[in-house]
Protein backbone atom coordinates (compact mmCIF):
# COMPACT_ATOMS: atom_id res chain seq x y z
CA MET A 1 18.87 137.06 41.59
CA SER A 2 22.60 137.42 40.97
CA ILE A 3 24.64 134.23 41.37
CA THR A 4 28.40 134.03 41.13
CA LEU A 5 29.70 131.20 38.97
CA ALA A 6 32.30 129.25 40.92
CA THR A 7 32.92 126.31 38.56
CA ARG A 8 31.48 124.76 35.42
CA ALA A 9 29.32 122.59 37.66
CA ALA A 10 28.57 124.93 40.55
CA PRO A 11 26.04 123.43 42.99
CA ILE A 12 23.99 126.61 42.60
CA SER A 13 24.57 127.69 39.05
CA GLY A 14 23.40 130.50 36.85
CA PRO A 15 23.28 131.45 33.18
CA LEU A 16 26.44 131.00 31.15
CA PRO A 17 27.62 134.37 29.80
CA GLY A 18 28.21 134.37 26.07
CA ARG A 19 26.84 130.89 25.52
CA GLN A 20 26.42 129.65 21.95
CA LEU A 21 24.01 126.81 22.70
CA ARG A 22 21.44 125.99 25.39
CA THR A 23 20.46 122.34 25.79
CA LEU A 24 18.39 120.20 28.15
CA GLY A 25 19.27 116.67 29.15
CA MET A 26 15.86 114.99 29.04
CA GLY A 27 15.63 112.02 31.40
CA LEU A 28 11.84 111.54 30.88
CA GLY A 29 11.20 111.66 34.62
CA LEU A 30 9.47 114.28 36.75
CA GLN A 31 12.19 116.91 37.06
CA SER A 32 13.45 117.04 33.47
CA THR A 33 9.85 116.98 32.19
CA VAL A 34 9.00 119.94 34.43
CA LEU A 35 11.99 121.85 32.99
CA HIS A 36 10.82 121.04 29.46
CA LEU A 37 7.31 122.28 30.25
CA MET A 38 8.53 125.33 32.17
CA ALA A 39 10.39 126.43 29.05
CA ALA A 40 7.24 125.90 26.97
CA HIS A 41 5.23 128.01 29.45
CA GLY A 42 7.82 130.79 29.33
CA GLU A 43 8.86 130.40 32.97
CA ILE A 44 12.49 129.80 32.00
CA GLU A 45 14.44 130.49 28.82
CA PRO A 46 13.72 128.11 25.94
CA PHE A 47 16.19 125.42 25.00
CA ASP A 48 17.79 125.18 21.59
CA TYR A 49 17.78 121.39 21.84
CA VAL A 50 16.15 118.86 24.17
CA ILE A 51 18.23 115.67 24.04
CA CYS A 52 17.29 112.26 25.41
CA SER A 53 19.41 109.10 25.35
CA ASP A 54 17.42 105.89 24.96
CA THR A 55 18.70 102.62 26.45
CA HIS A 56 15.84 100.77 24.67
CA ARG A 57 14.93 99.22 28.03
CA GLU A 58 13.11 102.02 29.87
CA THR A 59 9.87 101.01 31.54
CA ARG A 60 6.71 101.00 29.46
CA ALA A 61 5.36 103.90 31.52
CA VAL A 62 8.39 105.97 30.48
CA TYR A 63 7.85 105.24 26.77
CA GLU A 64 4.16 106.09 27.10
CA HIS A 65 5.22 109.37 28.72
CA LEU A 66 7.60 110.05 25.81
CA ARG A 67 4.79 109.51 23.30
CA TRP A 68 2.62 111.93 25.29
CA LEU A 69 5.33 114.61 25.24
CA GLN A 70 5.83 114.15 21.49
CA SER A 71 2.14 114.15 20.60
CA PRO A 72 0.99 117.00 18.32
CA ASN A 73 -1.61 118.05 20.90
CA MET A 74 1.14 119.06 23.34
CA GLY A 75 2.75 121.45 20.86
CA LEU A 76 6.14 121.11 22.53
CA PRO A 77 9.57 121.53 20.94
CA PRO A 78 10.87 118.24 19.53
CA ILE A 79 12.96 115.85 21.62
CA THR A 80 16.13 114.67 19.90
CA MET A 81 16.53 110.95 20.62
CA VAL A 82 20.02 109.42 20.66
CA THR A 83 21.29 106.02 21.71
CA ALA A 84 24.40 103.95 22.38
CA GLY A 85 22.49 100.74 21.71
CA ASP A 86 20.23 98.32 23.55
CA LEU A 87 21.54 97.99 27.11
CA GLY A 88 19.35 95.00 27.85
CA ALA A 89 20.34 93.08 24.71
CA ASP A 90 24.01 93.90 25.28
CA THR A 91 23.80 92.66 28.88
CA LEU A 92 22.11 89.41 27.88
CA ALA A 93 24.68 88.88 25.11
CA SER A 94 27.48 89.30 27.65
CA ALA A 95 25.78 86.90 30.06
CA GLY A 96 25.20 84.32 27.34
CA THR A 97 28.73 84.37 25.91
CA TRP A 98 30.25 84.43 29.39
CA SER A 99 28.24 81.36 30.39
CA GLY A 100 29.27 79.65 27.16
CA LEU A 101 32.93 80.06 28.10
CA GLY A 102 32.31 78.52 31.52
CA GLY A 103 31.63 81.68 33.50
CA ALA A 104 33.76 82.07 36.62
CA ALA A 105 35.54 78.81 35.75
CA ALA A 106 36.67 80.14 32.36
CA ASP A 107 40.38 80.42 31.71
CA ARG A 108 41.38 84.06 32.06
CA SER A 109 42.98 83.99 28.62
CA THR A 110 39.53 83.44 27.09
CA TRP A 111 37.67 86.20 28.91
CA LEU A 112 37.87 88.69 26.07
CA GLN A 113 36.00 86.25 23.84
CA ALA A 114 32.82 87.06 25.77
CA SER A 115 30.77 90.11 24.77
CA ARG A 116 31.49 93.25 26.75
CA VAL A 117 28.81 95.41 28.33
CA ALA A 118 29.05 98.55 30.47
CA ASN A 119 28.20 97.12 33.88
CA PRO A 120 24.79 97.89 35.35
CA PRO A 121 25.08 97.99 39.17
CA PHE A 122 24.03 94.39 39.72
CA PHE A 123 24.22 93.02 43.26
CA THR A 124 26.75 90.24 43.74
CA ARG A 125 26.77 87.14 45.90
CA GLY A 126 29.99 85.20 46.03
CA PRO A 127 31.10 81.81 47.35
CA ARG A 128 32.84 81.18 50.65
CA THR A 129 35.91 79.94 48.81
CA VAL A 130 37.40 82.12 46.09
CA LYS A 131 40.13 80.76 43.83
CA LYS A 132 42.50 83.03 41.94
CA SER A 133 45.35 82.05 39.67
CA VAL A 134 48.59 84.05 39.61
CA LEU A 135 51.32 83.68 37.00
CA VAL A 136 54.79 83.85 38.59
CA GLU A 137 58.14 83.73 36.83
CA ALA A 138 60.55 81.64 38.92
CA MET A 139 64.06 83.03 39.49
CA PRO A 140 66.87 81.45 37.45
CA LEU A 141 68.81 78.77 39.31
CA LEU A 142 72.45 77.76 38.60
CA GLY A 143 72.41 79.58 35.30
CA LEU A 144 69.26 77.82 34.07
CA PRO A 145 66.44 80.06 32.77
CA GLY A 146 63.44 80.57 35.03
CA GLN A 147 60.05 79.18 34.13
CA THR A 148 56.61 80.72 34.43
CA VAL A 149 54.41 78.77 36.81
CA GLU A 150 50.79 79.22 37.79
CA LEU A 151 49.99 79.44 41.49
CA ILE A 152 46.42 78.77 42.65
CA VAL A 153 45.51 80.95 45.61
CA GLU A 154 42.42 80.12 47.67
CA ARG A 155 40.72 82.54 50.05
CA HIS A 156 38.26 81.11 52.57
CA THR A 157 35.63 83.17 54.39
CA ASP A 158 33.21 82.29 57.18
CA ARG A 159 30.27 83.43 55.09
CA GLU A 160 29.33 84.33 51.55
CA THR A 161 30.62 87.57 50.11
CA PHE A 162 28.24 90.34 49.04
CA GLY A 163 28.86 93.39 46.90
CA ILE A 164 27.73 95.43 43.92
CA LEU A 165 29.25 95.87 40.48
CA ARG A 166 30.81 99.21 39.69
CA ARG A 167 28.24 101.02 37.57
CA LYS A 168 29.33 102.00 34.05
CA CYS A 169 26.01 101.93 32.18
CA THR A 170 24.99 105.51 32.99
CA LYS A 171 28.16 106.96 31.53
CA GLU A 172 28.17 104.89 28.34
CA TYR A 173 24.44 104.64 27.61
CA LYS A 174 23.18 107.99 28.97
CA ILE A 175 25.91 110.63 29.26
CA GLU A 176 28.21 109.86 26.32
CA PRO A 177 25.45 109.72 23.63
CA VAL A 178 24.16 113.15 24.73
CA THR A 179 27.69 114.56 24.71
CA ALA A 180 28.24 113.07 21.24
CA GLU A 181 25.05 114.76 20.00
CA ILE A 182 26.17 118.13 21.39
CA ARG A 183 29.49 117.66 19.61
CA ARG A 184 27.61 116.89 16.38
CA ILE A 185 25.47 120.03 16.74
CA LEU A 186 28.64 122.08 17.24
CA GLY A 187 30.08 120.58 14.07
CA LEU A 188 32.95 118.78 15.80
CA ALA A 189 34.31 115.78 13.92
CA PRO A 190 34.94 112.49 15.80
CA GLY A 191 38.14 112.87 17.79
CA GLU A 192 38.34 116.61 17.17
CA ARG A 193 39.20 118.62 20.25
CA GLY A 194 36.42 120.92 21.37
CA PRO A 195 36.74 124.45 22.70
CA SER A 196 38.70 124.83 25.93
CA VAL A 197 36.11 127.18 27.45
CA PRO A 198 32.38 126.64 28.12
CA ILE A 199 30.14 127.60 25.22
CA VAL A 200 27.25 125.14 25.78
CA GLU A 201 24.87 125.59 28.71
CA HIS A 202 23.50 122.12 29.44
CA SER A 203 20.66 122.01 31.96
CA MET A 204 19.93 119.03 34.20
CA GLY A 205 16.84 118.17 36.23
CA LEU A 206 18.39 117.87 39.67
CA THR A 207 16.57 119.36 42.66
CA THR A 208 17.50 120.66 46.12
CA ASP A 209 16.92 117.28 47.77
CA GLU A 210 19.47 115.64 45.45
CA LEU A 211 22.54 117.81 46.00
CA GLU A 212 24.63 114.69 46.62
CA ARG A 213 24.04 113.70 42.99
CA LEU A 214 25.55 116.86 41.52
CA PRO A 215 28.31 115.81 39.11
CA SER A 216 31.74 117.38 39.44
CA SER A 217 33.15 119.78 36.89
CA SER A 218 35.22 116.95 35.43
CA ALA A 219 32.05 115.05 34.49
CA SER A 220 31.69 117.01 31.25
CA PRO A 221 34.05 118.30 28.54
CA PRO A 222 35.46 121.81 29.05
CA PHE A 223 33.07 123.29 26.47
CA ILE A 224 29.95 122.13 28.34
CA TYR A 225 28.75 124.06 31.38
CA LEU A 226 26.31 122.15 33.59
CA ARG A 227 23.40 124.23 34.86
CA ASN A 228 20.81 123.30 37.49
CA PRO A 229 17.75 125.58 36.97
CA LEU A 230 15.54 123.78 39.51
CA ILE A 231 18.14 124.18 42.23
CA GLU A 232 18.47 127.84 41.30
CA LYS A 233 14.72 128.13 41.90
CA ARG A 234 15.13 126.30 45.24
CA MET A 235 12.77 123.59 44.02
CA SER A 236 12.65 120.09 45.50
CA ARG A 237 11.15 117.03 43.85
CA GLY A 238 7.98 117.72 45.83
CA ASP A 239 7.91 121.29 44.49
CA CYS A 240 8.15 119.90 40.96
CA ASP A 241 5.18 117.64 41.61
CA GLN A 242 3.19 120.56 42.98
CA TRP A 243 4.03 122.55 39.84
CA ARG A 244 2.78 119.64 37.73
CA ARG A 245 -0.51 119.50 39.63
CA ARG A 246 -1.06 123.25 39.45
CA ARG A 247 -0.68 123.04 35.68
CA GLY A 248 -3.12 120.14 35.52
CA TYR A 249 -0.72 117.58 34.08
CA PRO A 250 -1.04 113.85 34.84
CA PRO A 251 1.55 112.10 37.06
CA PHE A 252 4.97 111.65 35.47
CA PRO A 253 6.88 108.35 35.78
CA LYS A 254 10.19 107.72 37.50
CA SER A 255 12.57 107.21 34.61
CA ARG A 256 14.66 104.04 34.74
CA CYS A 257 15.38 100.80 32.93
CA TYR A 258 12.90 98.11 33.90
CA PHE A 259 15.74 95.96 35.28
CA CYS A 260 17.55 98.77 37.15
CA PRO A 261 18.90 97.42 40.48
CA PHE A 262 18.54 100.89 42.04
CA GLN A 263 14.74 100.65 42.09
CA ASP A 264 13.35 100.58 45.62
CA ASP A 265 10.72 98.07 46.68
CA SER A 266 7.86 100.50 46.05
CA LEU A 267 8.82 100.70 42.36
CA TRP A 268 9.25 96.94 42.07
CA ARG A 269 5.86 96.44 43.76
CA GLU A 270 4.25 98.99 41.45
CA MET A 271 5.62 97.15 38.41
CA LYS A 272 4.49 93.79 39.77
CA ASP A 273 0.95 95.04 40.49
CA GLU A 274 0.36 97.35 37.53
CA SER A 275 2.48 95.77 34.79
CA PRO A 276 2.81 92.06 35.68
CA ASP A 277 4.06 91.00 32.26
CA GLU A 278 6.81 93.62 32.47
CA PHE A 279 7.69 92.37 35.96
CA GLU A 280 7.86 88.83 34.59
CA GLU A 281 10.26 90.08 31.92
CA ALA A 282 12.41 91.58 34.69
CA CYS A 283 12.35 88.24 36.54
CA ARG A 284 13.54 86.40 33.45
CA PHE A 285 16.27 89.00 33.00
CA ASP A 286 17.30 88.47 36.62
CA GLU A 287 17.57 84.73 36.03
CA ALA A 288 19.55 85.23 32.81
CA ILE A 289 22.33 87.19 34.55
CA ARG A 290 22.66 84.81 37.49
CA ASN A 291 25.96 83.26 36.36
CA GLY A 292 27.49 86.62 35.59
CA ILE A 293 28.58 88.82 32.71
CA ARG A 294 32.06 89.10 31.24
CA GLY A 295 34.74 89.29 33.89
CA THR A 296 32.56 88.53 36.92
CA THR A 297 33.18 85.61 39.26
CA THR A 298 30.04 85.78 41.41
CA GLN A 299 26.32 85.34 41.01
CA LEU A 300 24.43 88.48 39.99
CA PHE A 301 21.02 89.71 41.15
CA LEU A 302 18.68 92.63 40.46
CA HIS A 303 17.57 92.95 44.09
CA SER A 304 19.68 93.94 47.09
CA LEU A 305 18.55 90.83 49.00
CA ARG A 306 20.53 88.84 46.44
CA ILE A 307 17.78 86.30 45.95
CA PRO A 308 15.71 85.68 42.78
CA LEU A 309 13.52 88.68 42.04
CA ARG A 310 10.34 86.61 41.87
CA GLU A 311 10.97 85.42 45.46
CA VAL A 312 11.26 88.90 47.00
CA ASP A 313 8.56 90.04 49.45
CA PHE A 314 8.02 93.66 48.40
CA THR A 315 5.83 94.39 51.41
CA ARG A 316 8.80 94.15 53.78
CA PRO A 317 10.47 97.31 55.14
CA ASN A 318 12.99 98.70 52.68
CA GLY A 319 16.52 97.38 53.11
CA LEU A 320 19.77 99.31 53.21
CA TRP A 321 20.15 99.76 49.46
CA SER A 322 16.47 100.37 48.84
CA VAL A 323 16.06 103.38 51.12
CA GLU A 324 17.55 105.84 48.65
CA GLY A 325 16.56 103.93 45.51
CA LEU A 326 17.56 105.73 42.32
CA ARG A 327 19.38 108.43 44.30
CA ASN A 328 22.24 105.91 44.51
CA GLU A 329 22.76 106.79 40.83
CA CYS A 330 25.27 109.49 41.66
CA GLU A 331 25.84 110.97 38.19
CA GLY A 332 22.55 112.85 38.28
CA VAL A 333 21.11 111.37 35.08
CA CYS A 334 18.72 108.47 35.84
CA GLY A 335 15.44 108.94 37.68
CA ILE A 336 14.98 112.59 36.66
């Protein structure tokens, strides 16, 4: 099948002519695992490197799956593990130092003293009255110099405010470590400008039912061309699962951090029923972030109902945010 390349991240891609390197972004979920195994079975071209970024807080099922893939009995090419650190520990450190400063009541000048973390997409629940301080420099009067005064502005609402934090964790804990490893393989020094044309063909595990998650061409450096082999094969997530069953492989997990707010109720219920101690750990995590992380002025929650996780009835019909679950992760990295 001949496919014309429109951009570096064409929705329906094809092989990169003259590539110097072929890599796979391993997410440890169904689709990326199928790509890894397809290459081993000779159904697609082999990869030079299979790269996985570890947040250190994936679910236990995901780590068990990783051990299975790396076991000598599988005879698969090695998976290169990279990391930007422990996302869970970094989040809890931010929550703890933020609370120590007084949280939302902390003076803005002290905010940077709290530990920073790349925001996971926690759900927010704010008060009816929001106070903001604004520094204003008064105009000079009768030749006297003006003074800087602080104005306190209050905004009142009829009900509590609800929202979601802008997600930054995927970029910093998933995408950037993989990009850094590709740069290292190419021999690029830190800060060194890479080639201005694509030379690396980097495959992702997105399928035809996730076209809305395709990243734009600006999501990667100019020297990395994003390829979507499963979409080229017109395969959906269901097709990937059928491929797995035909090959006789056991079920593959949905890759995610155990505290990911984009889990739908079925995944939360599965964790609660099949891994209760892990669910309890998620509940404690939920409680630890309640008063916020650096720079937040609202309460934070893991569940879209914005109530404590241990109080959620997971047998209810899925709510607005739960319908799509991990497909809300629009950078095409988590859940695959």
